[in-house]
């Protein structure tokens, strides 16, 4: 057999064809690389745009949610809504489960006296008089009921609080360890101890009545006013409303007060009070 060479054209061999393709590939390698890089860059750009769009949507959603929340908070603290907003928060801001807000206390030494005269023979003859006296330190405590009516109003950057009336916590605390007793009896009377015991038994009912005396209430009114202001301030702090661009002053009026112009009251608590 004789060896023959297959031709691809006039005067061309397989070796010549392979050389031409190699030359073509070598000459096109840089343009092809640039095209590949361009395709990669384009794909990266598309992906980046898509992620950026998703990020914008997310940020927009967050901003929109924050704006909605801010608008909702703002509405909650308008004059017409602030009372309802406050009442809804009372169970969360009260310090005890008693339903009472303890306001203030006053320590007073009370004096009780009694004089008893005895007569016989149709009240003609006197057997003398027994005079007794008891001095005892007493602590009066006062509170308000959280379930009683409240009303809050907005006056510029001041929160006006119309609080329930002040109530005495009954019975008052009697400090019997510091009680002082004194008795004087005439020579025909021998019942000083009996009279002292009777006077002492009458103390608690009389103190319950005295606790409601306006003079006692006046002793604790300003401290009670400040206690309520602190209570409301705690709520405003929690709601992020106690600041110089929202509320920075509180005025308190109690239901048992006759105040014609609440704004004329001294400010109970201000922003810089801490």
C-alpha atoms as a PDB file:
ATOM      1  CA  UNK A   1       0.000   0.000   0.000  1.00  0.00           C
ATOM      2  CA  UNK A   2       1.132   3.492  -0.673  1.00  0.00           C
ATOM      3  CA  UNK A   3       0.762   6.445   1.829  1.00  0.00           C
ATOM      4  CA  UNK A   4      -1.441   9.283   0.566  1.00  0.00           C
ATOM      5  CA  UNK A   5      -2.224  12.689   2.137  1.00  0.00           C
ATOM      6  CA  UNK A   6      -5.822  14.022   2.171  1.00  0.00           C
ATOM      7  CA  UNK A   7      -6.053  17.577   1.037  1.00  0.00           C
ATOM      8  CA  UNK A   8      -8.483  20.299   2.283  1.00  0.00           C
ATOM      9  CA  UNK A   9      -8.046  22.388  -0.774  1.00  0.00           C
ATOM     10  CA  UNK A  10      -5.677  23.025  -3.547  1.00  0.00           C
ATOM     11  CA  UNK A  11      -2.216  22.729  -2.105  1.00  0.00           C
ATOM     12  CA  UNK A  12      -3.360  22.619   1.689  1.00  0.00           C
ATOM     13  CA  UNK A  13      -2.811  19.866   4.209  1.00  0.00           C
ATOM     14  CA  UNK A  14      -4.290  19.022   7.681  1.00  0.00           C
ATOM     15  CA  UNK A  15      -1.263  20.564   9.329  1.00  0.00           C
ATOM     16  CA  UNK A  16      -1.852  23.842   7.535  1.00  0.00           C
ATOM     17  CA  UNK A  17      -5.509  23.903   8.670  1.00  0.00           C
ATOM     18  CA  UNK A  18      -4.620  23.330  12.313  1.00  0.00           C
ATOM     19  CA  UNK A  19      -2.025  26.091  12.196  1.00  0.00           C
ATOM     20  CA  UNK A  20      -4.592  28.538  10.783  1.00  0.00           C
ATOM     21  CA  UNK A  21      -7.119  27.754  13.597  1.00  0.00           C
ATOM     22  CA  UNK A  22      -4.459  28.155  16.267  1.00  0.00           C
ATOM     23  CA  UNK A  23      -3.446  31.483  14.804  1.00  0.00           C
ATOM     24  CA  UNK A  24      -7.089  32.603  14.736  1.00  0.00           C
ATOM     25  CA  UNK A  25      -7.669  31.613  18.390  1.00  0.00           C
ATOM     26  CA  UNK A  26      -4.473  33.353  19.511  1.00  0.00           C
ATOM     27  CA  UNK A  27      -5.425  36.525  17.662  1.00  0.00           C
ATOM     28  CA  UNK A  28      -8.943  36.537  19.213  1.00  0.00           C
ATOM     29  CA  UNK A  29      -8.009  35.659  22.805  1.00  0.00           C
ATOM     30  CA  UNK A  30      -7.970  39.290  24.087  1.00  0.00           C
ATOM     31  CA  UNK A  31     -11.247  40.339  22.427  1.00  0.00           C
ATOM     32  CA  UNK A  32     -12.885  37.162  23.747  1.00  0.00           C
ATOM     33  CA  UNK A  33     -11.542  37.865  27.254  1.00  0.00           C
ATOM     34  CA  UNK A  34     -12.875  41.424  27.121  1.00  0.00           C
ATOM     35  CA  UNK A  35     -16.271  40.146  26.014  1.00  0.00           C
ATOM     36  CA  UNK A  36     -16.284  37.633  28.894  1.00  0.00           C
ATOM     37  CA  UNK A  37     -15.341  40.324  31.394  1.00  0.00           C
ATOM     38  CA  UNK A  38     -18.054  42.585  30.005  1.00  0.00           C
ATOM     39  CA  UNK A  39     -20.632  39.808  30.401  1.00  0.00           C
ATOM     40  CA  UNK A  40     -19.504  39.195  34.015  1.00  0.00           C
ATOM     41  CA  UNK A  41     -19.676  42.921  34.762  1.00  0.00           C
ATOM     42  CA  UNK A  42     -23.130  43.120  33.238  1.00  0.00           C
ATOM     43  CA  UNK A  43     -24.350  40.188  35.314  1.00  0.00           C
ATOM     44  CA  UNK A  44     -22.876  41.731  38.485  1.00  0.00           C
ATOM     45  CA  UNK A  45     -24.542  45.059  37.649  1.00  0.00           C
ATOM     46  CA  UNK A  46     -27.920  43.412  37.181  1.00  0.00           C
ATOM     47  CA  UNK A  47     -27.607  41.525  40.469  1.00  0.00           C
ATOM     48  CA  UNK A  48     -26.503  44.710  42.260  1.00  0.00           C
ATOM     49  CA  UNK A  49     -29.471  46.636  40.873  1.00  0.00           C
ATOM     50  CA  UNK A  50     -31.822  43.923  42.035  1.00  0.00           C
ATOM     51  CA  UNK A  51     -30.332  43.869  45.561  1.00  0.00           C
ATOM     52  CA  UNK A  52     -30.346  47.669  45.676  1.00  0.00           C
ATOM     53  CA  UNK A  53     -33.998  47.655  44.712  1.00  0.00           C
ATOM     54  CA  UNK A  54     -34.767  45.194  47.481  1.00  0.00           C
ATOM     55  CA  UNK A  55     -32.789  47.308  49.956  1.00  0.00           C
ATOM     56  CA  UNK A  56     -34.662  50.440  48.931  1.00  0.00           C
ATOM     57  CA  UNK A  57     -37.945  48.602  49.371  1.00  0.00           C
ATOM     58  CA  UNK A  58     -36.829  47.422  52.827  1.00  0.00           C
ATOM     59  CA  UNK A  59     -35.659  50.884  53.909  1.00  0.00           C
ATOM     60  CA  UNK A  60     -38.814  52.420  52.491  1.00  0.00           C
ATOM     61  CA  UNK A  61     -40.879  49.936  54.431  1.00  0.00           C
ATOM     62  CA  UNK A  62     -38.950  50.686  57.634  1.00  0.00           C
ATOM     63  CA  UNK A  63     -39.232  54.439  57.137  1.00  0.00           C
ATOM     64  CA  UNK A  64     -42.903  54.095  56.320  1.00  0.00           C
ATOM     65  CA  UNK A  65     -43.460  51.966  59.433  1.00  0.00           C
ATOM     66  CA  UNK A  66     -41.563  54.456  61.598  1.00  0.00           C
ATOM     67  CA  UNK A  67     -43.549  57.320  60.119  1.00  0.00           C
ATOM     68  CA  UNK A  68     -46.816  55.500  60.779  1.00  0.00           C
ATOM     69  CA  UNK A  69     -45.745  54.785  64.356  1.00  0.00           C
ATOM     70  CA  UNK A  70     -44.655  58.398  64.901  1.00  0.00           C
ATOM     71  CA  UNK A  71     -47.983  59.605  63.542  1.00  0.00           C
ATOM     72  CA  UNK A  72     -49.831  57.169  65.807  1.00  0.00           C
ATOM     73  CA  UNK A  73     -47.830  58.330  68.862  1.00  0.00           C
ATOM     74  CA  UNK A  74     -48.446  61.967  67.996  1.00  0.00           C
ATOM     75  CA  UNK A  75     -52.197  61.355  67.772  1.00  0.00           C
ATOM     76  CA  UNK A  76     -52.163  59.561  71.130  1.00  0.00           C
ATOM     77  CA  UNK A  77     -50.858  62.668  72.862  1.00  0.00           C
ATOM     78  CA  UNK A  78     -53.271  65.203  71.446  1.00  0.00           C
ATOM     79  CA  UNK A  79     -55.635  66.832  73.938  1.00  0.00           C
ATOM     80  CA  UNK A  80     -58.573  64.719  72.853  1.00  0.00           C
ATOM     81  CA  UNK A  81     -56.701  61.406  73.126  1.00  0.00           C
ATOM     82  CA  UNK A  82     -54.173  61.811  75.944  1.00  0.00           C
ATOM     83  CA  UNK A  83     -56.599  60.866  78.745  1.00  0.00           C
ATOM     84  CA  UNK A  84     -57.514  57.579  77.045  1.00  0.00           C
ATOM     85  CA  UNK A  85     -53.842  56.856  76.320  1.00  0.00           C
ATOM     86  CA  UNK A  86     -52.941  57.465  79.973  1.00  0.00           C
ATOM     87  CA  UNK A  87     -55.782  55.355  81.387  1.00  0.00           C
ATOM     88  CA  UNK A  88     -54.777  52.453  79.149  1.00  0.00           C
ATOM     89  CA  UNK A  89     -51.267  52.600  80.629  1.00  0.00           C
ATOM     90  CA  UNK A  90     -52.182  52.802  84.333  1.00  0.00           C
ATOM     91  CA  UNK A  91     -52.029  49.021  84.976  1.00  0.00           C
ATOM     92  CA  UNK A  92     -48.475  48.994  83.589  1.00  0.00           C
ATOM     93  CA  UNK A  93     -47.068  52.000  85.465  1.00  0.00           C
ATOM     94  CA  UNK A  94     -48.568  51.515  88.918  1.00  0.00           C
ATOM     95  CA  UNK A  95     -46.024  50.233  91.407  1.00  0.00           C
ATOM     96  CA  UNK A  96     -48.377  47.992  93.380  1.00  0.00           C
ATOM     97  CA  UNK A  97     -51.405  45.944  92.627  1.00  0.00           C
ATOM     98  CA  UNK A  98     -53.527  47.683  95.253  1.00  0.00           C
ATOM     99  CA  UNK A  99     -55.192  50.069  92.840  1.00  0.00           C
ATOM    100  CA  UNK A 100     -54.079  52.977  95.035  1.00  0.00           C
ATOM    101  CA  UNK A 101     -51.425  55.594  94.529  1.00  0.00           C
ATOM    102  CA  UNK A 102     -49.888  56.480  97.878  1.00  0.00           C
ATOM    103  CA  UNK A 103     -49.463  60.256  97.996  1.00  0.00           C
ATOM    104  CA  UNK A 104     -48.054  61.518 101.285  1.00  0.00           C
ATOM    105  CA  UNK A 105     -48.125  61.199 105.052  1.00  0.00           C
ATOM    106  CA  UNK A 106     -48.169  63.613 107.964  1.00  0.00           C
ATOM    107  CA  UNK A 107     -46.998  63.025 111.523  1.00  0.00           C
ATOM    108  CA  UNK A 108     -49.076  64.906 114.093  1.00  0.00           C
ATOM    109  CA  UNK A 109     -49.286  64.743 117.875  1.00  0.00           C
ATOM    110  CA  UNK A 110     -52.954  64.712 118.778  1.00  0.00           C
ATOM    111  CA  UNK A 111     -54.382  65.638 122.176  1.00  0.00           C
ATOM    112  CA  UNK A 112     -57.624  64.244 123.571  1.00  0.00           C
ATOM    113  CA  UNK A 113     -59.216  65.490 126.796  1.00  0.00           C
ATOM    114  CA  UNK A 114     -62.249  64.555 128.784  1.00  0.00           C
ATOM    115  CA  UNK A 115     -63.874  65.976 131.909  1.00  0.00           C
ATOM    116  CA  UNK A 116     -66.455  64.044 133.911  1.00  0.00           C
ATOM    117  CA  UNK A 117     -68.366  65.527 136.829  1.00  0.00           C
ATOM    118  CA  UNK A 118     -70.579  63.491 139.128  1.00  0.00           C
ATOM    119  CA  UNK A 119     -73.495  64.919 141.193  1.00  0.00           C
ATOM    120  CA  UNK A 120     -75.983  63.416 143.632  1.00  0.00           C
ATOM    121  CA  UNK A 121     -79.175  64.542 145.405  1.00  0.00           C
ATOM    122  CA  UNK A 122     -80.885  65.822 142.320  1.00  0.00           C
ATOM    123  CA  UNK A 123     -77.599  67.286 141.044  1.00  0.00           C
ATOM    124  CA  UNK A 124     -77.315  69.515 144.066  1.00  0.00           C
ATOM    125  CA  UNK A 125     -74.209  67.966 145.601  1.00  0.00           C
ATOM    126  CA  UNK A 126     -71.065  67.560 143.485  1.00  0.00           C
ATOM    127  CA  UNK A 127     -68.846  64.580 144.034  1.00  0.00           C
ATOM    128  CA  UNK A 128     -66.082  66.227 142.086  1.00  0.00           C
ATOM    129  CA  UNK A 129     -64.615  66.031 138.570  1.00  0.00           C
ATOM    130  CA  UNK A 130     -62.231  63.630 136.936  1.00  0.00           C
ATOM    131  CA  UNK A 131     -60.183  65.217 134.124  1.00  0.00           C
ATOM    132  CA  UNK A 132     -58.227  63.010 131.761  1.00  0.00           C
ATOM    133  CA  UNK A 133     -55.864  63.782 128.874  1.00  0.00           C
ATOM    134  CA  UNK A 134     -54.060  61.626 126.304  1.00  0.00           C
ATOM    135  CA  UNK A 135     -51.369  62.822 123.908  1.00  0.00           C
ATOM    136  CA  UNK A 136     -50.355  60.453 121.153  1.00  0.00           C
ATOM    137  CA  UNK A 137     -48.285  60.739 117.938  1.00  0.00           C
ATOM    138  CA  UNK A 138     -50.332  59.829 114.864  1.00  0.00           C
ATOM    139  CA  UNK A 139     -49.343  59.233 111.246  1.00  0.00           C
ATOM    140  CA  UNK A 140     -51.969  60.193 108.697  1.00  0.00           C
ATOM    141  CA  UNK A 141     -51.524  58.642 105.265  1.00  0.00           C
ATOM    142  CA  UNK A 142     -53.257  59.697 102.069  1.00  0.00           C
ATOM    143  CA  UNK A 143     -53.829  58.122  98.667  1.00  0.00           C
ATOM    144  CA  UNK A 144     -55.977  58.325  95.573  1.00  0.00           C
ATOM    145  CA  UNK A 145     -57.781  55.544  93.750  1.00  0.00           C
ATOM    146  CA  UNK A 146     -56.377  54.799  90.324  1.00  0.00           C
ATOM    147  CA  UNK A 147     -59.788  53.658  89.115  1.00  0.00           C
ATOM    148  CA  UNK A 148     -61.370  57.037  89.945  1.00  0.00           C
ATOM    149  CA  UNK A 149     -61.841  59.513  87.053  1.00  0.00           C
ATOM    150  CA  UNK A 150     -58.732  61.126  85.554  1.00  0.00           C
ATOM    151  CA  UNK A 151     -58.531  63.812  82.886  1.00  0.00           C
ATOM    152  CA  UNK A 152     -55.393  65.007  81.103  1.00  0.00           C
ATOM    153  CA  UNK A 153     -55.115  68.024  78.827  1.00  0.00           C
ATOM    154  CA  UNK A 154     -52.381  69.490  76.669  1.00  0.00           C
ATOM    155  CA  UNK A 155     -51.502  73.166  77.029  1.00  0.00           C
ATOM    156  CA  UNK A 156     -48.597  73.896  74.681  1.00  0.00           C
ATOM    157  CA  UNK A 157     -45.801  71.831  76.278  1.00  0.00           C
ATOM    158  CA  UNK A 158     -47.463  71.464  79.677  1.00  0.00           C
ATOM    159  CA  UNK A 159     -49.479  68.423  80.700  1.00  0.00           C
ATOM    160  CA  UNK A 160     -52.469  69.454  82.835  1.00  0.00           C
ATOM    161  CA  UNK A 161     -53.534  66.625  85.115  1.00  0.00           C
ATOM    162  CA  UNK A 162     -56.960  66.572  86.741  1.00  0.00           C
ATOM    163  CA  UNK A 163     -56.435  63.852  89.318  1.00  0.00           C
ATOM    164  CA  UNK A 164     -58.965  62.066  91.571  1.00  0.00           C
ATOM    165  CA  UNK A 165     -59.611  63.471  95.009  1.00  0.00           C
ATOM    166  CA  UNK A 166     -57.266  62.821  97.916  1.00  0.00           C
ATOM    167  CA  UNK A 167     -58.496  60.162 100.328  1.00  0.00           C
ATOM    168  CA  UNK A 168     -57.249  59.337 103.842  1.00  0.00           C
ATOM    169  CA  UNK A 169     -55.942  55.833 104.396  1.00  0.00           C
ATOM    170  CA  UNK A 170     -57.962  54.523 107.334  1.00  0.00           C
ATOM    171  CA  UNK A 171     -57.424  54.008 110.144  1.00  0.00           C
ATOM    172  CA  UNK A 172     -54.527  56.347 110.945  1.00  0.00           C
ATOM    173  CA  UNK A 173     -51.461  54.788 112.563  1.00  0.00           C
ATOM    174  CA  UNK A 174     -51.382  55.399 116.309  1.00  0.00           C
ATOM    175  CA  UNK A 175     -47.966  55.196 117.992  1.00  0.00           C
ATOM    176  CA  UNK A 176     -49.054  53.815 121.344  1.00  0.00           C
ATOM    177  CA  UNK A 177     -45.447  53.345 122.482  1.00  0.00           C
ATOM    178  CA  UNK A 178     -45.167  57.148 122.783  1.00  0.00           C
ATOM    179  CA  UNK A 179     -48.596  57.755 124.251  1.00  0.00           C
ATOM    180  CA  UNK A 180     -48.787  60.092 127.258  1.00  0.00           C
ATOM    181  CA  UNK A 181     -51.650  59.866 129.764  1.00  0.00           C
ATOM    182  CA  UNK A 182     -52.643  62.231 132.526  1.00  0.00           C
ATOM    183  CA  UNK A 183     -55.559  62.179 134.993  1.00  0.00           C
ATOM    184  CA  UNK A 184     -56.774  64.415 137.813  1.00  0.00           C
ATOM    185  CA  UNK A 185     -59.530  63.409 140.183  1.00  0.00           C
ATOM    186  CA  UNK A 186     -61.132  65.038 143.253  1.00  0.00           C
ATOM    187  CA  UNK A 187     -61.000  63.440 146.679  1.00  0.00           C
ATOM    188  CA  UNK A 188     -64.461  61.923 146.249  1.00  0.00           C
ATOM    189  CA  UNK A 189     -63.660  60.349 142.875  1.00  0.00           C
ATOM    190  CA  UNK A 190     -61.708  57.107 142.377  1.00  0.00           C
ATOM    191  CA  UNK A 191     -62.254  56.350 138.678  1.00  0.00           C
ATOM    192  CA  UNK A 192     -59.277  57.979 136.974  1.00  0.00           C
ATOM    193  CA  UNK A 193     -58.069  54.744 135.346  1.00  0.00           C
ATOM    194  CA  UNK A 194     -61.556  53.891 134.156  1.00  0.00           C
ATOM    195  CA  UNK A 195     -61.924  57.346 132.603  1.00  0.00           C
ATOM    196  CA  UNK A 196     -58.534  57.056 130.879  1.00  0.00           C
ATOM    197  CA  UNK A 197     -59.455  53.671 129.389  1.00  0.00           C
ATOM    198  CA  UNK A 198     -62.725  55.057 128.097  1.00  0.00           C
ATOM    199  CA  UNK A 199     -60.973  58.063 126.582  1.00  0.00           C
ATOM    200  CA  UNK A 200     -58.405  55.809 124.876  1.00  0.00           C
ATOM    201  CA  UNK A 201     -61.145  53.661 123.316  1.00  0.00           C
ATOM    202  CA  UNK A 202     -62.617  56.758 121.723  1.00  0.00           C
ATOM    203  CA  UNK A 203     -59.373  57.798 120.028  1.00  0.00           C
ATOM    204  CA  UNK A 204     -59.522  55.670 116.851  1.00  0.00           C
ATOM    205  CA  UNK A 205     -63.027  56.781 115.732  1.00  0.00           C
ATOM    206  CA  UNK A 206     -62.126  60.398 116.414  1.00  0.00           C
ATOM    207  CA  UNK A 207     -58.884  60.099 114.430  1.00  0.00           C
ATOM    208  CA  UNK A 208     -60.790  58.654 111.447  1.00  0.00           C
ATOM    209  CA  UNK A 209     -62.873  61.828 111.441  1.00  0.00           C
ATOM    210  CA  UNK A 210     -59.866  64.099 111.908  1.00  0.00           C
ATOM    211  CA  UNK A 211     -58.036  62.497 108.987  1.00  0.00           C
ATOM    212  CA  UNK A 212     -60.614  64.084 106.667  1.00  0.00           C
ATOM    213  CA  UNK A 213     -60.239  67.521 108.218  1.00  0.00           C
ATOM    214  CA  UNK A 214     -59.267  70.116 105.546  1.00  0.00           C
ATOM    215  CA  UNK A 215     -56.477  71.327 107.827  1.00  0.00           C
ATOM    216  CA  UNK A 216     -54.853  67.913 107.724  1.00  0.00           C
ATOM    217  CA  UNK A 217     -55.348  67.645 103.965  1.00  0.00           C
ATOM    218  CA  UNK A 218     -53.664  71.009 103.493  1.00  0.00           C
ATOM    219  CA  UNK A 219     -50.580  69.670 105.274  1.00  0.00           C
ATOM    220  CA  UNK A 220     -49.998  67.059 102.567  1.00  0.00           C
ATOM    221  CA  UNK A 221     -51.577  68.654  99.494  1.00  0.00           C
ATOM    222  CA  UNK A 222     -48.421  70.032  97.865  1.00  0.00           C
ATOM    223  CA  UNK A 223     -46.453  66.837  98.477  1.00  0.00           C
ATOM    224  CA  UNK A 224     -49.381  64.887  97.024  1.00  0.00           C
ATOM    225  CA  UNK A 225     -49.373  67.168  94.002  1.00  0.00           C
ATOM    226  CA  UNK A 226     -45.729  66.399  93.394  1.00  0.00           C
ATOM    227  CA  UNK A 227     -46.282  62.645  93.832  1.00  0.00           C
ATOM    228  CA  UNK A 228     -48.951  62.659  91.121  1.00  0.00           C
ATOM    229  CA  UNK A 229     -46.708  64.741  88.856  1.00  0.00           C
ATOM    230  CA  UNK A 230     -43.903  62.201  89.296  1.00  0.00           C
ATOM    231  CA  UNK A 231     -46.367  59.410  88.516  1.00  0.00           C
ATOM    232  CA  UNK A 232     -47.412  61.080  85.253  1.00  0.00           C
ATOM    233  CA  UNK A 233     -43.801  61.981  84.451  1.00  0.00           C
ATOM    234  CA  UNK A 234     -42.847  58.287  84.733  1.00  0.00           C
ATOM    235  CA  UNK A 235     -45.486  57.508  82.135  1.00  0.00           C
ATOM    236  CA  UNK A 236     -44.316  60.305  79.811  1.00  0.00           C
ATOM    237  CA  UNK A 237     -40.716  59.099  80.141  1.00  0.00           C
ATOM    238  CA  UNK A 238     -41.738  55.572  79.214  1.00  0.00           C
ATOM    239  CA  UNK A 239     -43.598  56.880  76.189  1.00  0.00           C
ATOM    240  CA  UNK A 240     -40.601  59.070  75.226  1.00  0.00           C
ATOM    241  CA  UNK A 241     -42.732  62.191  75.553  1.00  0.00           C
ATOM    242  CA  UNK A 242     -40.838  63.848  78.437  1.00  0.00           C
ATOM    243  CA  UNK A 243     -38.370  65.998  76.498  1.00  0.00           C
ATOM    244  CA  UNK A 244     -37.818  69.617  75.542  1.00  0.00           C
ATOM    245  CA  UNK A 245     -39.708  69.345  72.231  1.00  0.00           C
ATOM    246  CA  UNK A 246     -42.787  67.592  73.726  1.00  0.00           C
ATOM    247  CA  UNK A 247     -43.707  67.932  77.411  1.00  0.00           C
ATOM    248  CA  UNK A 248     -41.442  69.545  79.990  1.00  0.00           C
ATOM    249  CA  UNK A 249     -43.884  70.708  82.679  1.00  0.00           C
ATOM    250  CA  UNK A 250     -46.771  69.160  84.626  1.00  0.00           C
ATOM    251  CA  UNK A 251     -49.517  70.842  86.646  1.00  0.00           C
ATOM    252  CA  UNK A 252     -51.818  68.866  88.922  1.00  0.00           C
ATOM    253  CA  UNK A 253     -55.315  69.706  90.165  1.00  0.00           C
ATOM    254  CA  UNK A 254     -57.203  67.396  92.535  1.00  0.00           C
ATOM    255  CA  UNK A 255     -60.937  66.744  92.236  1.00  0.00           C
ATOM    256  CA  UNK A 256     -61.521  68.099  95.747  1.00  0.00           C
ATOM    257  CA  UNK A 257     -59.928  71.451  94.853  1.00  0.00           C
ATOM    258  CA  UNK A 258     -61.792  74.474  93.568  1.00  0.00           C
ATOM    259  CA  UNK A 259     -59.289  75.855  91.077  1.00  0.00           C
ATOM    260  CA  UNK A 260     -60.677  78.320  88.555  1.00  0.00           C
ATOM    261  CA  UNK A 261     -57.460  78.679  86.553  1.00  0.00           C
ATOM    262  CA  UNK A 262     -55.264  75.558  86.635  1.00  0.00           C
ATOM    263  CA  UNK A 263     -52.611  77.275  84.541  1.00  0.00           C
ATOM    264  CA  UNK A 264     -52.073  79.767  87.348  1.00  0.00           C
ATOM    265  CA  UNK A 265     -50.823  76.961  89.609  1.00  0.00           C
ATOM    266  CA  UNK A 266     -47.132  76.667  90.278  1.00  0.00           C
ATOM    267  CA  UNK A 267     -45.545  74.071  88.038  1.00  0.00           C
ATOM    268  CA  UNK A 268     -45.108  70.976  90.119  1.00  0.00           C
ATOM    269  CA  UNK A 269     -42.320  69.422  88.167  1.00  0.00           C
ATOM    270  CA  UNK A 270     -40.204  70.582  85.240  1.00  0.00           C
ATOM    271  CA  UNK A 271     -37.830  68.938  82.793  1.00  0.00           C
ATOM    272  CA  UNK A 272     -34.692  69.992  84.649  1.00  0.00           C
ATOM    273  CA  UNK A 273     -35.993  68.495  87.900  1.00  0.00           C
ATOM    274  CA  UNK A 274     -34.419  65.200  86.753  1.00  0.00           C
END
